[in-house]
Amino acid sequence: MLSLLAAVLWVFIATAVAALPVRWQRGPGIALAAVAPVLIYLLGRDHGWFAAAFGVFAVLSMFRRPLCHGLSRLRSVPGSEAGK
């Protein structure tokens, strides 16, 4: 039950962070992204794989743009010039 309360608190904090100006969202957003896997693990342990899968889909939905940006940066080759 504690994992469910922690997940609900995480959602409320994420909602509050989303209301902040963009320049203030980076630090809390990184902290939320770092805590999310732990919460998903705890939800899966306490409430089953369906709760964990729901958590994974929710986090991927919320962080889709930062994740896509990070993946594109990882795929880019340093030193190569784009467009040539």
N, C-alpha and C. Protein backbone atom coordinates (compact mmCIF):
# COMPACT_ATOMS: atom_id res chain seq x y z
N MET A 1 0.82 -1.20 0.00
CA MET A 1 0.00 0.00 0.00
C MET A 1 0.86 1.26 0.00
N LEU A 2 2.02 1.18 0.63
CA LEU A 2 2.91 2.33 0.68
C LEU A 2 3.42 2.69 -0.72
N SER A 3 3.64 1.68 -1.55
CA SER A 3 4.10 1.97 -2.91
C SER A 3 3.04 2.72 -3.71
N LEU A 4 1.78 2.37 -3.49
CA LEU A 4 0.70 3.06 -4.18
C LEU A 4 0.59 4.51 -3.73
N LEU A 5 0.74 4.75 -2.45
CA LEU A 5 0.73 6.13 -1.94
C LEU A 5 1.91 6.93 -2.48
N ALA A 6 3.07 6.29 -2.56
CA ALA A 6 4.25 6.97 -3.10
C ALA A 6 4.05 7.30 -4.58
N ALA A 7 3.41 6.39 -5.33
CA ALA A 7 3.15 6.65 -6.74
C ALA A 7 2.15 7.79 -6.92
N VAL A 8 1.14 7.85 -6.09
CA VAL A 8 0.17 8.94 -6.16
C VAL A 8 0.85 10.27 -5.82
N LEU A 9 1.70 10.26 -4.82
CA LEU A 9 2.45 11.47 -4.47
C LEU A 9 3.35 11.89 -5.62
N TRP A 10 3.99 10.92 -6.29
CA TRP A 10 4.84 11.20 -7.44
C TRP A 10 4.02 11.89 -8.54
N VAL A 11 2.81 11.42 -8.78
CA VAL A 11 1.95 12.01 -9.80
C VAL A 11 1.60 13.45 -9.44
N PHE A 12 1.27 13.71 -8.18
CA PHE A 12 0.94 15.07 -7.77
C PHE A 12 2.15 16.00 -7.90
N ILE A 13 3.32 15.50 -7.54
CA ILE A 13 4.53 16.31 -7.69
C ILE A 13 4.82 16.57 -9.16
N ALA A 14 4.65 15.56 -10.00
CA ALA A 14 4.86 15.74 -11.44
C ALA A 14 3.90 16.76 -12.02
N THR A 15 2.67 16.77 -11.54
CA THR A 15 1.70 17.75 -12.00
C THR A 15 2.11 19.16 -11.57
N ALA A 16 2.62 19.29 -10.35
CA ALA A 16 3.08 20.60 -9.88
C ALA A 16 4.30 21.06 -10.68
N VAL A 17 5.20 20.15 -11.00
CA VAL A 17 6.39 20.51 -11.79
C VAL A 17 5.97 20.95 -13.19
N ALA A 18 4.97 20.30 -13.75
CA ALA A 18 4.51 20.68 -15.09
C ALA A 18 3.94 22.09 -15.11
N ALA A 19 3.46 22.58 -13.98
CA ALA A 19 2.92 23.93 -13.91
C ALA A 19 4.00 24.99 -13.77
N LEU A 20 5.22 24.59 -13.50
CA LEU A 20 6.32 25.54 -13.36
C LEU A 20 6.73 26.07 -14.73
N PRO A 21 7.39 27.22 -14.76
CA PRO A 21 7.97 27.69 -16.03
C PRO A 21 9.02 26.67 -16.52
N VAL A 22 9.19 26.61 -17.82
CA VAL A 22 10.05 25.59 -18.42
C VAL A 22 11.46 25.63 -17.86
N ARG A 23 12.00 26.80 -17.64
CA ARG A 23 13.39 26.89 -17.16
C ARG A 23 13.55 26.33 -15.75
N TRP A 24 12.48 26.18 -15.00
CA TRP A 24 12.55 25.64 -13.64
C TRP A 24 12.20 24.16 -13.58
N GLN A 25 11.83 23.56 -14.70
CA GLN A 25 11.38 22.17 -14.70
C GLN A 25 12.52 21.16 -14.76
N ARG A 26 13.70 21.54 -15.19
CA ARG A 26 14.77 20.58 -15.44
C ARG A 26 15.18 19.81 -14.19
N GLY A 27 15.51 20.48 -13.12
CA GLY A 27 15.97 19.81 -11.90
C GLY A 27 14.94 18.86 -11.31
N PRO A 28 13.72 19.36 -11.05
CA PRO A 28 12.69 18.45 -10.52
C PRO A 28 12.33 17.34 -11.50
N GLY A 29 12.38 17.63 -12.81
CA GLY A 29 12.08 16.60 -13.81
C GLY A 29 13.09 15.48 -13.79
N ILE A 30 14.37 15.83 -13.63
CA ILE A 30 15.41 14.81 -13.55
C ILE A 30 15.23 13.97 -12.29
N ALA A 31 14.89 14.61 -11.19
CA ALA A 31 14.65 13.87 -9.95
C ALA A 31 13.44 12.93 -10.09
N LEU A 32 12.39 13.40 -10.73
CA LEU A 32 11.22 12.55 -10.94
C LEU A 32 11.55 11.37 -11.85
N ALA A 33 12.33 11.63 -12.89
CA ALA A 33 12.73 10.54 -13.79
C ALA A 33 13.62 9.53 -13.08
N ALA A 34 14.44 9.98 -12.14
CA ALA A 34 15.32 9.07 -11.42
C ALA A 34 14.55 8.21 -10.42
N VAL A 35 13.49 8.74 -9.86
CA VAL A 35 12.70 8.01 -8.86
C VAL A 35 11.71 7.05 -9.52
N ALA A 36 11.31 7.34 -10.75
CA ALA A 36 10.27 6.56 -11.42
C ALA A 36 10.57 5.06 -11.51
N PRO A 37 11.77 4.62 -11.89
CA PRO A 37 12.01 3.18 -11.97
C PRO A 37 11.86 2.47 -10.61
N VAL A 38 12.26 3.14 -9.55
CA VAL A 38 12.11 2.55 -8.21
C VAL A 38 10.64 2.39 -7.88
N LEU A 39 9.84 3.42 -8.15
CA LEU A 39 8.40 3.34 -7.89
C LEU A 39 7.74 2.26 -8.74
N ILE A 40 8.16 2.15 -9.99
CA ILE A 40 7.58 1.11 -10.86
C ILE A 40 7.93 -0.27 -10.34
N TYR A 41 9.16 -0.45 -9.90
CA TYR A 41 9.55 -1.74 -9.32
C TYR A 41 8.70 -2.06 -8.08
N LEU A 42 8.53 -1.07 -7.21
CA LEU A 42 7.74 -1.29 -5.99
C LEU A 42 6.28 -1.59 -6.32
N LEU A 43 5.74 -0.88 -7.30
CA LEU A 43 4.36 -1.16 -7.72
C LEU A 43 4.24 -2.58 -8.26
N GLY A 44 5.20 -3.01 -9.07
CA GLY A 44 5.18 -4.36 -9.60
C GLY A 44 5.32 -5.41 -8.52
N ARG A 45 6.16 -5.13 -7.56
CA ARG A 45 6.36 -6.08 -6.46
C ARG A 45 5.11 -6.21 -5.59
N ASP A 46 4.47 -5.09 -5.31
CA ASP A 46 3.32 -5.09 -4.40
C ASP A 46 1.98 -5.39 -5.08
N HIS A 47 1.83 -4.96 -6.35
CA HIS A 47 0.52 -5.04 -6.98
C HIS A 47 0.50 -5.83 -8.28
N GLY A 48 1.62 -6.39 -8.69
CA GLY A 48 1.64 -7.24 -9.88
C GLY A 48 2.17 -6.55 -11.12
N TRP A 49 2.32 -7.37 -12.15
CA TRP A 49 2.94 -6.88 -13.39
C TRP A 49 2.05 -5.86 -14.11
N PHE A 50 0.73 -5.97 -13.97
CA PHE A 50 -0.16 -5.03 -14.65
C PHE A 50 0.04 -3.61 -14.13
N ALA A 51 0.19 -3.47 -12.83
CA ALA A 51 0.44 -2.14 -12.26
C ALA A 51 1.79 -1.60 -12.72
N ALA A 52 2.78 -2.48 -12.80
CA ALA A 52 4.10 -2.05 -13.27
C ALA A 52 4.05 -1.65 -14.74
N ALA A 53 3.33 -2.42 -15.55
CA ALA A 53 3.21 -2.08 -16.97
C ALA A 53 2.48 -0.75 -17.15
N PHE A 54 1.45 -0.52 -16.37
CA PHE A 54 0.74 0.76 -16.41
C PHE A 54 1.69 1.90 -16.04
N GLY A 55 2.52 1.68 -15.03
CA GLY A 55 3.49 2.70 -14.64
C GLY A 55 4.51 2.98 -15.72
N VAL A 56 4.99 1.92 -16.39
CA VAL A 56 5.96 2.10 -17.47
C VAL A 56 5.34 2.91 -18.60
N PHE A 57 4.12 2.56 -19.00
CA PHE A 57 3.46 3.31 -20.07
C PHE A 57 3.22 4.77 -19.67
N ALA A 58 2.86 5.00 -18.43
CA ALA A 58 2.63 6.37 -17.97
C ALA A 58 3.91 7.19 -17.98
N VAL A 59 5.01 6.60 -17.50
CA VAL A 59 6.29 7.33 -17.48
C VAL A 59 6.78 7.57 -18.90
N LEU A 60 6.66 6.58 -19.77
CA LEU A 60 7.08 6.78 -21.16
C LEU A 60 6.24 7.86 -21.84
N SER A 61 4.98 7.94 -21.51
CA SER A 61 4.13 8.97 -22.07
C SER A 61 4.52 10.36 -21.56
N MET A 62 4.81 10.45 -20.27
CA MET A 62 5.16 11.75 -19.69
C MET A 62 6.52 12.25 -20.15
N PHE A 63 7.47 11.34 -20.30
CA PHE A 63 8.85 11.72 -20.62
C PHE A 63 9.21 11.39 -22.07
N ARG A 64 8.23 11.35 -22.98
CA ARG A 64 8.52 10.93 -24.34
C ARG A 64 9.44 11.90 -25.07
N ARG A 65 9.24 13.18 -24.90
CA ARG A 65 10.11 14.14 -25.60
C ARG A 65 11.54 14.12 -25.07
N PRO A 66 11.76 14.16 -23.75
CA PRO A 66 13.15 14.06 -23.28
C PRO A 66 13.80 12.74 -23.66
N LEU A 67 13.04 11.66 -23.65
CA LEU A 67 13.60 10.36 -24.03
C LEU A 67 13.95 10.32 -25.52
N CYS A 68 13.09 10.86 -26.37
CA CYS A 68 13.39 10.91 -27.80
C CYS A 68 14.60 11.79 -28.08
N HIS A 69 14.69 12.90 -27.37
CA HIS A 69 15.85 13.78 -27.54
C HIS A 69 17.13 13.07 -27.11
N GLY A 70 17.08 12.38 -25.97
CA GLY A 70 18.26 11.65 -25.52
C GLY A 70 18.66 10.54 -26.47
N LEU A 71 17.68 9.83 -27.02
CA LEU A 71 18.00 8.77 -27.99
C LEU A 71 18.59 9.33 -29.27
N SER A 72 18.07 10.46 -29.73
CA SER A 72 18.63 11.06 -30.95
C SER A 72 20.05 11.55 -30.71
N ARG A 73 20.32 12.03 -29.51
CA ARG A 73 21.69 12.46 -29.19
C ARG A 73 22.63 11.28 -29.11
N LEU A 74 22.14 10.15 -28.62
CA LEU A 74 22.97 8.96 -28.55
C LEU A 74 23.26 8.39 -29.93
N ARG A 75 22.29 8.51 -30.85
CA ARG A 75 22.46 7.97 -32.18
C ARG A 75 23.35 8.84 -33.07
N SER A 76 23.48 10.11 -32.74
CA SER A 76 24.30 10.99 -33.56
C SER A 76 25.77 10.65 -33.36
N VAL A 77 26.52 10.73 -34.45
CA VAL A 77 27.94 10.42 -34.40
C VAL A 77 28.71 11.71 -34.19
N PRO A 78 29.52 11.77 -33.13
CA PRO A 78 30.30 12.99 -32.92
C PRO A 78 31.31 13.20 -34.04
N GLY A 79 31.44 14.44 -34.47
CA GLY A 79 32.40 14.77 -35.49
C GLY A 79 31.83 14.74 -36.89
N SER A 80 30.69 14.10 -37.10
CA SER A 80 30.09 14.09 -38.42
C SER A 80 29.25 15.33 -38.60
N GLU A 81 29.21 15.85 -39.81
CA GLU A 81 28.44 17.05 -40.07
C GLU A 81 27.10 16.65 -40.64
N ALA A 82 26.04 17.12 -40.02
CA ALA A 82 24.70 16.79 -40.49
C ALA A 82 24.41 17.55 -41.78
N GLY A 83 23.70 16.90 -42.67
CA GLY A 83 23.30 17.55 -43.91
C GLY A 83 24.29 17.40 -45.04
N LYS A 84 25.41 16.75 -44.84
CA LYS A 84 26.38 16.57 -45.94
C LYS A 84 26.39 15.16 -46.39
